[in-house]
Amino acid sequence: MSASAEGKNAFANVIVGLLVMMSITLATASTIHFGVAVAGVDDPFPGAALPEAIISVVVLAGAAAAAVRVSHAWRWALAATLFGILGFLIGLRFTLFGGRSVVFGDVVYHLAGLLVLVVIAGLLLSSRGRAALGKA
């Protein structure tokens, strides 16, 4: 394998890893919001549980498409990332203005998730990200 191909694979793997990480955090948040205490965190909020689970699955699908380099992998990964950004923005809106008391940890979680997803989008939109996932 050439150095160029190895570099593309490494860059793609960073994107895939970040997408998988986001999917795991969303699945964990969803589990907590379904009422299961995880690592001592207990925050039942059924209104957020299902949307977080759906976003987790979509982001994981984008990661899987990128990992196996399916046709249009770049588009799948970008669409999943943009869907995640939209979901986090909606979640932040409900966190701040949804009628529940605002919990600092929830705000930090949504802002951190948004930051990571925006970084992923930036990586995907870069020339290296486009090349790594077959969108020249």
Protein backbone atom coordinates (compact mmCIF):
# COMPACT_ATOMS: atom_id res chain seq x y z
CA MET A 1 0.00 0.00 0.00
CA SER A 2 1.35 3.42 -0.91
CA ALA A 3 1.95 6.16 1.62
CA SER A 4 -0.88 8.14 0.00
CA ALA A 5 -3.33 5.24 0.40
CA GLU A 6 -2.24 4.70 4.00
CA GLY A 7 -2.80 8.39 4.72
CA LYS A 8 -6.29 8.25 3.23
CA ASN A 9 -7.12 5.17 5.29
CA ALA A 10 -5.82 6.78 8.48
CA PHE A 11 -7.85 9.93 7.85
CA ALA A 12 -10.97 7.90 7.08
CA ASN A 13 -10.40 5.86 10.25
CA VAL A 14 -10.32 9.05 12.35
CA ILE A 15 -13.68 10.07 10.89
CA VAL A 16 -15.13 6.60 11.45
CA GLY A 17 -13.82 6.53 15.03
CA LEU A 18 -15.36 9.89 15.86
CA LEU A 19 -18.71 8.83 14.37
CA VAL A 20 -18.68 5.59 16.37
CA MET A 21 -17.80 7.53 19.54
CA MET A 22 -20.76 9.85 18.95
CA SER A 23 -23.06 6.91 18.33
CA ILE A 24 -21.97 5.31 21.61
CA THR A 25 -22.51 8.52 23.59
CA LEU A 26 -25.98 8.90 22.06
CA ALA A 27 -26.86 5.29 22.84
CA THR A 28 -25.68 5.78 26.42
CA ALA A 29 -27.69 8.99 26.82
CA SER A 30 -30.73 7.25 25.35
CA THR A 31 -30.35 4.35 27.79
CA ILE A 32 -30.11 6.78 30.71
CA HIS A 33 -33.17 8.68 29.50
CA PHE A 34 -35.10 5.41 29.19
CA GLY A 35 -34.61 5.19 32.98
CA VAL A 36 -31.60 2.89 33.29
CA ALA A 37 -28.93 4.18 35.67
CA VAL A 38 -25.52 4.06 33.94
CA ALA A 39 -22.35 4.65 35.98
CA GLY A 40 -24.43 6.19 38.74
CA VAL A 41 -26.23 8.61 36.41
CA ASP A 42 -30.00 8.49 36.71
CA ASP A 43 -31.89 10.98 34.53
CA PRO A 44 -35.14 9.49 33.20
CA PHE A 45 -36.49 11.65 30.38
CA PRO A 46 -38.59 9.53 28.00
CA GLY A 47 -39.08 12.44 25.59
CA ALA A 48 -35.37 12.40 24.73
CA ALA A 49 -34.77 8.65 24.85
CA LEU A 50 -36.20 7.64 21.47
CA PRO A 51 -34.81 10.59 19.46
CA GLU A 52 -31.34 9.94 20.89
CA ALA A 53 -31.63 6.26 19.99
CA ILE A 54 -32.63 7.12 16.42
CA ILE A 55 -29.79 9.62 16.03
CA SER A 56 -27.39 7.02 17.44
CA VAL A 57 -28.46 4.47 14.81
CA VAL A 58 -28.22 7.00 11.96
CA VAL A 59 -24.74 8.13 13.03
CA LEU A 60 -23.64 4.50 13.39
CA ALA A 61 -24.96 3.77 9.88
CA GLY A 62 -22.86 6.65 8.56
CA ALA A 63 -19.83 5.26 10.36
CA ALA A 64 -20.45 1.78 8.97
CA ALA A 65 -20.82 3.10 5.43
CA ALA A 66 -17.54 4.98 5.80
CA ALA A 67 -15.79 2.03 7.45
CA VAL A 68 -16.53 -0.39 4.62
CA ARG A 69 -16.25 2.33 1.96
CA VAL A 70 -19.59 1.59 0.34
CA SER A 71 -20.54 3.46 -2.78
CA HIS A 72 -21.22 7.07 -1.78
CA ALA A 73 -19.64 6.51 1.66
CA TRP A 74 -18.74 10.19 1.89
CA ARG A 75 -22.37 11.22 1.31
CA TRP A 76 -23.63 8.71 3.87
CA ALA A 77 -21.16 9.92 6.47
CA LEU A 78 -21.90 13.58 5.80
CA ALA A 79 -25.68 13.04 5.86
CA ALA A 80 -25.42 11.15 9.16
CA THR A 81 -23.24 13.90 10.61
CA LEU A 82 -25.63 16.65 9.53
CA PHE A 83 -28.55 14.65 10.94
CA GLY A 84 -26.63 14.40 14.23
CA ILE A 85 -25.97 18.15 14.25
CA LEU A 86 -29.66 18.84 13.69
CA GLY A 87 -30.58 16.39 16.45
CA PHE A 88 -28.16 17.97 18.92
CA LEU A 89 -29.46 21.45 18.09
CA ILE A 90 -33.03 20.30 18.73
CA GLY A 91 -31.91 18.56 21.92
CA LEU A 92 -30.15 21.69 23.12
CA ARG A 93 -33.28 23.71 22.42
CA PHE A 94 -35.38 21.34 24.55
CA THR A 95 -32.69 21.24 27.23
CA LEU A 96 -32.72 25.02 27.55
CA PHE A 97 -36.36 25.85 26.86
CA GLY A 98 -38.31 22.61 27.23
CA GLY A 99 -39.91 23.28 30.57
CA ARG A 100 -37.61 21.10 32.68
CA SER A 101 -35.10 22.64 35.01
CA VAL A 102 -31.86 23.25 33.14
CA VAL A 103 -29.13 20.80 34.16
CA PHE A 104 -25.59 22.00 33.56
CA GLY A 105 -24.41 18.52 32.53
CA ASP A 106 -27.11 18.28 29.85
CA VAL A 107 -26.08 21.63 28.38
CA VAL A 108 -22.41 20.62 28.38
CA TYR A 109 -23.25 17.26 26.77
CA HIS A 110 -25.19 18.91 23.95
CA LEU A 111 -22.56 21.59 23.34
CA ALA A 112 -19.73 19.04 23.38
CA GLY A 113 -21.64 16.75 21.03
CA LEU A 114 -22.29 19.65 18.69
CA LEU A 115 -18.60 20.55 18.74
CA VAL A 116 -17.51 17.01 17.87
CA LEU A 117 -20.09 16.72 15.09
CA VAL A 118 -19.06 20.08 13.61
CA VAL A 119 -15.43 18.90 13.68
CA ILE A 120 -16.48 15.69 11.89
CA ALA A 121 -18.36 17.73 9.29
CA GLY A 122 -15.25 19.88 8.80
CA LEU A 123 -13.10 16.79 8.36
CA LEU A 124 -15.55 15.36 5.84
CA LEU A 125 -15.73 18.62 3.89
CA SER A 126 -11.95 19.00 3.76
CA SER A 127 -10.12 17.85 0.64
CA ARG A 128 -8.50 15.04 2.66
CA GLY A 129 -11.88 13.87 3.97
CA ARG A 130 -13.39 13.91 0.50
CA ALA A 131 -10.46 11.95 -0.91
CA ALA A 132 -10.38 9.48 1.99
CA LEU A 133 -13.99 8.46 1.46
CA GLY A 134 -14.03 8.55 -2.31
CA LYS A 135 -15.54 11.99 -2.98
CA ALA A 136 -12.78 13.56 -5.08
